Amino acid sequence: MAEEKKEAGIDEKLKSLEDIISRMEEEDISLEEALASFEEGVRLVKETREMLTGIEEKLKVLSEEEAEDDV
């Protein structure tokens, strides 16, 4: 049975971003490590922004449906 890869939720992505920030604030991080961390952070920010946009759109739809039901 193949194990499905579960996408990390917003909370997990934000925690990963916090970890990246902490790692990059260390004075003894190499340039290569800093660049890799930065790239990972940019990817996580993009993914999180897309997830939040999707949630926002769902909330708008639900709010509109609720408003229509009230009429």
N, C-alpha and C. Protein backbone atom coordinates (compact mmCIF):
# COMPACT_ATOMS: atom_id res chain seq x y z
N MET A 1 0.84 -1.18 0.00
CA MET A 1 0.00 0.00 0.00
C MET A 1 0.88 1.24 0.00
N ALA A 2 0.68 2.09 -0.98
CA ALA A 2 1.50 3.30 -1.11
C ALA A 2 1.08 4.34 -0.09
N GLU A 3 2.07 4.95 0.53
CA GLU A 3 1.78 5.98 1.51
C GLU A 3 1.61 7.32 0.79
N GLU A 4 0.48 8.00 1.03
CA GLU A 4 0.24 9.28 0.39
C GLU A 4 1.03 10.37 1.11
N LYS A 5 1.56 11.28 0.33
CA LYS A 5 2.28 12.41 0.90
C LYS A 5 1.27 13.49 1.26
N LYS A 6 1.16 13.79 2.54
CA LYS A 6 0.20 14.78 3.00
C LYS A 6 0.85 16.16 2.98
N GLU A 7 0.15 17.10 2.38
CA GLU A 7 0.66 18.46 2.31
C GLU A 7 0.59 19.09 3.69
N ALA A 8 1.64 19.79 4.05
CA ALA A 8 1.68 20.46 5.35
C ALA A 8 0.65 21.58 5.39
N GLY A 9 0.04 21.75 6.55
CA GLY A 9 -0.94 22.81 6.73
C GLY A 9 -0.26 24.15 6.98
N ILE A 10 -1.06 25.16 7.10
CA ILE A 10 -0.54 26.51 7.31
C ILE A 10 0.29 26.58 8.59
N ASP A 11 -0.20 25.97 9.65
CA ASP A 11 0.54 26.03 10.92
C ASP A 11 1.93 25.40 10.79
N GLU A 12 2.01 24.29 10.08
CA GLU A 12 3.30 23.63 9.90
C GLU A 12 4.23 24.48 9.04
N LYS A 13 3.66 25.12 8.03
CA LYS A 13 4.48 25.97 7.16
C LYS A 13 5.00 27.19 7.93
N LEU A 14 4.15 27.78 8.76
CA LEU A 14 4.59 28.93 9.56
C LEU A 14 5.67 28.53 10.56
N LYS A 15 5.53 27.35 11.15
CA LYS A 15 6.55 26.85 12.07
C LYS A 15 7.88 26.65 11.33
N SER A 16 7.80 26.11 10.12
CA SER A 16 9.01 25.92 9.31
C SER A 16 9.66 27.26 8.99
N LEU A 17 8.85 28.27 8.70
CA LEU A 17 9.39 29.61 8.43
C LEU A 17 10.08 30.17 9.67
N GLU A 18 9.49 29.97 10.84
CA GLU A 18 10.12 30.42 12.08
C GLU A 18 11.46 29.72 12.29
N ASP A 19 11.50 28.44 12.00
CA ASP A 19 12.76 27.68 12.13
C ASP A 19 13.82 28.21 11.17
N ILE A 20 13.41 28.53 9.95
CA ILE A 20 14.34 29.07 8.95
C ILE A 20 14.90 30.41 9.42
N ILE A 21 14.02 31.27 9.94
CA ILE A 21 14.47 32.58 10.43
C ILE A 21 15.49 32.40 11.55
N SER A 22 15.19 31.51 12.48
CA SER A 22 16.13 31.26 13.59
C SER A 22 17.47 30.76 13.07
N ARG A 23 17.41 29.85 12.11
CA ARG A 23 18.64 29.28 11.54
C ARG A 23 19.46 30.37 10.83
N MET A 24 18.76 31.26 10.12
CA MET A 24 19.47 32.30 9.37
C MET A 24 20.04 33.38 10.29
N GLU A 25 19.47 33.54 11.48
CA GLU A 25 19.98 34.54 12.42
C GLU A 25 21.24 34.09 13.14
N GLU A 26 21.56 32.81 13.02
CA GLU A 26 22.79 32.31 13.62
C GLU A 26 23.99 32.93 12.91
N GLU A 27 24.97 33.30 13.67
CA GLU A 27 26.13 33.96 13.09
C GLU A 27 27.05 33.02 12.34
N ASP A 28 27.00 31.73 12.65
CA ASP A 28 27.94 30.80 12.04
C ASP A 28 27.36 30.02 10.87
N ILE A 29 26.31 30.50 10.26
CA ILE A 29 25.70 29.81 9.11
C ILE A 29 26.51 30.16 7.85
N SER A 30 26.74 29.17 7.03
CA SER A 30 27.50 29.40 5.80
C SER A 30 26.62 30.09 4.76
N LEU A 31 27.27 30.67 3.78
CA LEU A 31 26.54 31.33 2.70
C LEU A 31 25.64 30.35 1.96
N GLU A 32 26.13 29.14 1.74
CA GLU A 32 25.34 28.12 1.05
C GLU A 32 24.10 27.75 1.85
N GLU A 33 24.29 27.60 3.18
CA GLU A 33 23.15 27.27 4.04
C GLU A 33 22.14 28.42 4.08
N ALA A 34 22.66 29.64 4.11
CA ALA A 34 21.78 30.80 4.13
C ALA A 34 20.97 30.89 2.84
N LEU A 35 21.61 30.65 1.72
CA LEU A 35 20.92 30.70 0.44
C LEU A 35 19.85 29.61 0.34
N ALA A 36 20.20 28.40 0.76
CA ALA A 36 19.23 27.30 0.74
C ALA A 36 18.05 27.59 1.66
N SER A 37 18.34 28.15 2.83
CA SER A 37 17.27 28.51 3.76
C SER A 37 16.39 29.60 3.18
N PHE A 38 16.99 30.58 2.56
CA PHE A 38 16.23 31.67 1.94
C PHE A 38 15.31 31.13 0.85
N GLU A 39 15.84 30.27 0.00
CA GLU A 39 15.03 29.69 -1.07
C GLU A 39 13.86 28.89 -0.51
N GLU A 40 14.11 28.12 0.53
CA GLU A 40 13.05 27.34 1.17
C GLU A 40 12.00 28.28 1.77
N GLY A 41 12.46 29.36 2.39
CA GLY A 41 11.53 30.34 2.97
C GLY A 41 10.65 30.98 1.91
N VAL A 42 11.23 31.34 0.79
CA VAL A 42 10.46 31.94 -0.30
C VAL A 42 9.39 30.96 -0.79
N ARG A 43 9.77 29.69 -0.92
CA ARG A 43 8.82 28.66 -1.37
C ARG A 43 7.67 28.52 -0.36
N LEU A 44 8.01 28.49 0.92
CA LEU A 44 6.99 28.34 1.96
C LEU A 44 6.05 29.55 2.01
N VAL A 45 6.59 30.74 1.85
CA VAL A 45 5.76 31.94 1.84
C VAL A 45 4.78 31.89 0.67
N LYS A 46 5.25 31.50 -0.49
CA LYS A 46 4.38 31.40 -1.67
C LYS A 46 3.27 30.39 -1.43
N GLU A 47 3.62 29.21 -0.93
CA GLU A 47 2.63 28.16 -0.69
C GLU A 47 1.62 28.60 0.37
N THR A 48 2.10 29.24 1.42
CA THR A 48 1.21 29.70 2.48
C THR A 48 0.27 30.78 1.97
N ARG A 49 0.78 31.70 1.17
CA ARG A 49 -0.05 32.75 0.59
C ARG A 49 -1.14 32.14 -0.28
N GLU A 50 -0.79 31.14 -1.09
CA GLU A 50 -1.78 30.48 -1.94
C GLU A 50 -2.85 29.78 -1.10
N MET A 51 -2.43 29.14 -0.02
CA MET A 51 -3.39 28.47 0.86
C MET A 51 -4.33 29.49 1.50
N LEU A 52 -3.79 30.60 1.96
CA LEU A 52 -4.62 31.63 2.59
C LEU A 52 -5.60 32.24 1.59
N THR A 53 -5.15 32.43 0.36
CA THR A 53 -6.04 32.95 -0.68
C THR A 53 -7.20 31.98 -0.92
N GLY A 54 -6.91 30.69 -0.97
CA GLY A 54 -7.95 29.69 -1.15
C GLY A 54 -8.94 29.69 0.00
N ILE A 55 -8.44 29.81 1.21
CA ILE A 55 -9.32 29.86 2.39
C ILE A 55 -10.19 31.10 2.33
N GLU A 56 -9.59 32.22 1.97
CA GLU A 56 -10.34 33.47 1.87
C GLU A 56 -11.47 33.36 0.85
N GLU A 57 -11.20 32.74 -0.28
CA GLU A 57 -12.22 32.56 -1.31
C GLU A 57 -13.36 31.67 -0.80
N LYS A 58 -13.02 30.60 -0.09
CA LYS A 58 -14.04 29.72 0.47
C LYS A 58 -14.91 30.47 1.47
N LEU A 59 -14.28 31.31 2.31
CA LEU A 59 -15.03 32.08 3.29
C LEU A 59 -15.99 33.06 2.62
N LYS A 60 -15.55 33.68 1.53
CA LYS A 60 -16.42 34.60 0.79
C LYS A 60 -17.64 33.87 0.26
N VAL A 61 -17.41 32.69 -0.32
CA VAL A 61 -18.52 31.90 -0.87
C VAL A 61 -19.49 31.52 0.24
N LEU A 62 -18.96 31.04 1.36
CA LEU A 62 -19.81 30.65 2.47
C LEU A 62 -20.58 31.85 3.03
N SER A 63 -19.95 33.01 3.11
CA SER A 63 -20.62 34.21 3.60
C SER A 63 -21.73 34.64 2.65
N GLU A 64 -21.46 34.55 1.35
CA GLU A 64 -22.48 34.91 0.36
C GLU A 64 -23.65 33.95 0.43
N GLU A 65 -23.37 32.66 0.59
CA GLU A 65 -24.45 31.67 0.71
C GLU A 65 -25.28 31.93 1.95
N GLU A 66 -24.62 32.26 3.04
CA GLU A 66 -25.33 32.55 4.30
C GLU A 66 -26.21 33.79 4.14
N ALA A 67 -25.68 34.81 3.47
CA ALA A 67 -26.45 36.04 3.25
C ALA A 67 -27.66 35.76 2.38
N GLU A 68 -27.53 34.91 1.37
CA GLU A 68 -28.65 34.55 0.51
C GLU A 68 -29.70 33.77 1.27
N ASP A 69 -29.28 32.93 2.18
CA ASP A 69 -30.22 32.15 2.99
C ASP A 69 -31.02 33.03 3.92
N ASP A 70 -30.41 34.14 4.36
CA ASP A 70 -31.07 35.05 5.29
C ASP A 70 -32.13 35.91 4.60
N VAL A 71 -32.07 36.03 3.28
CA VAL A 71 -33.00 36.91 2.53
C VAL A 71 -34.33 36.27 2.36
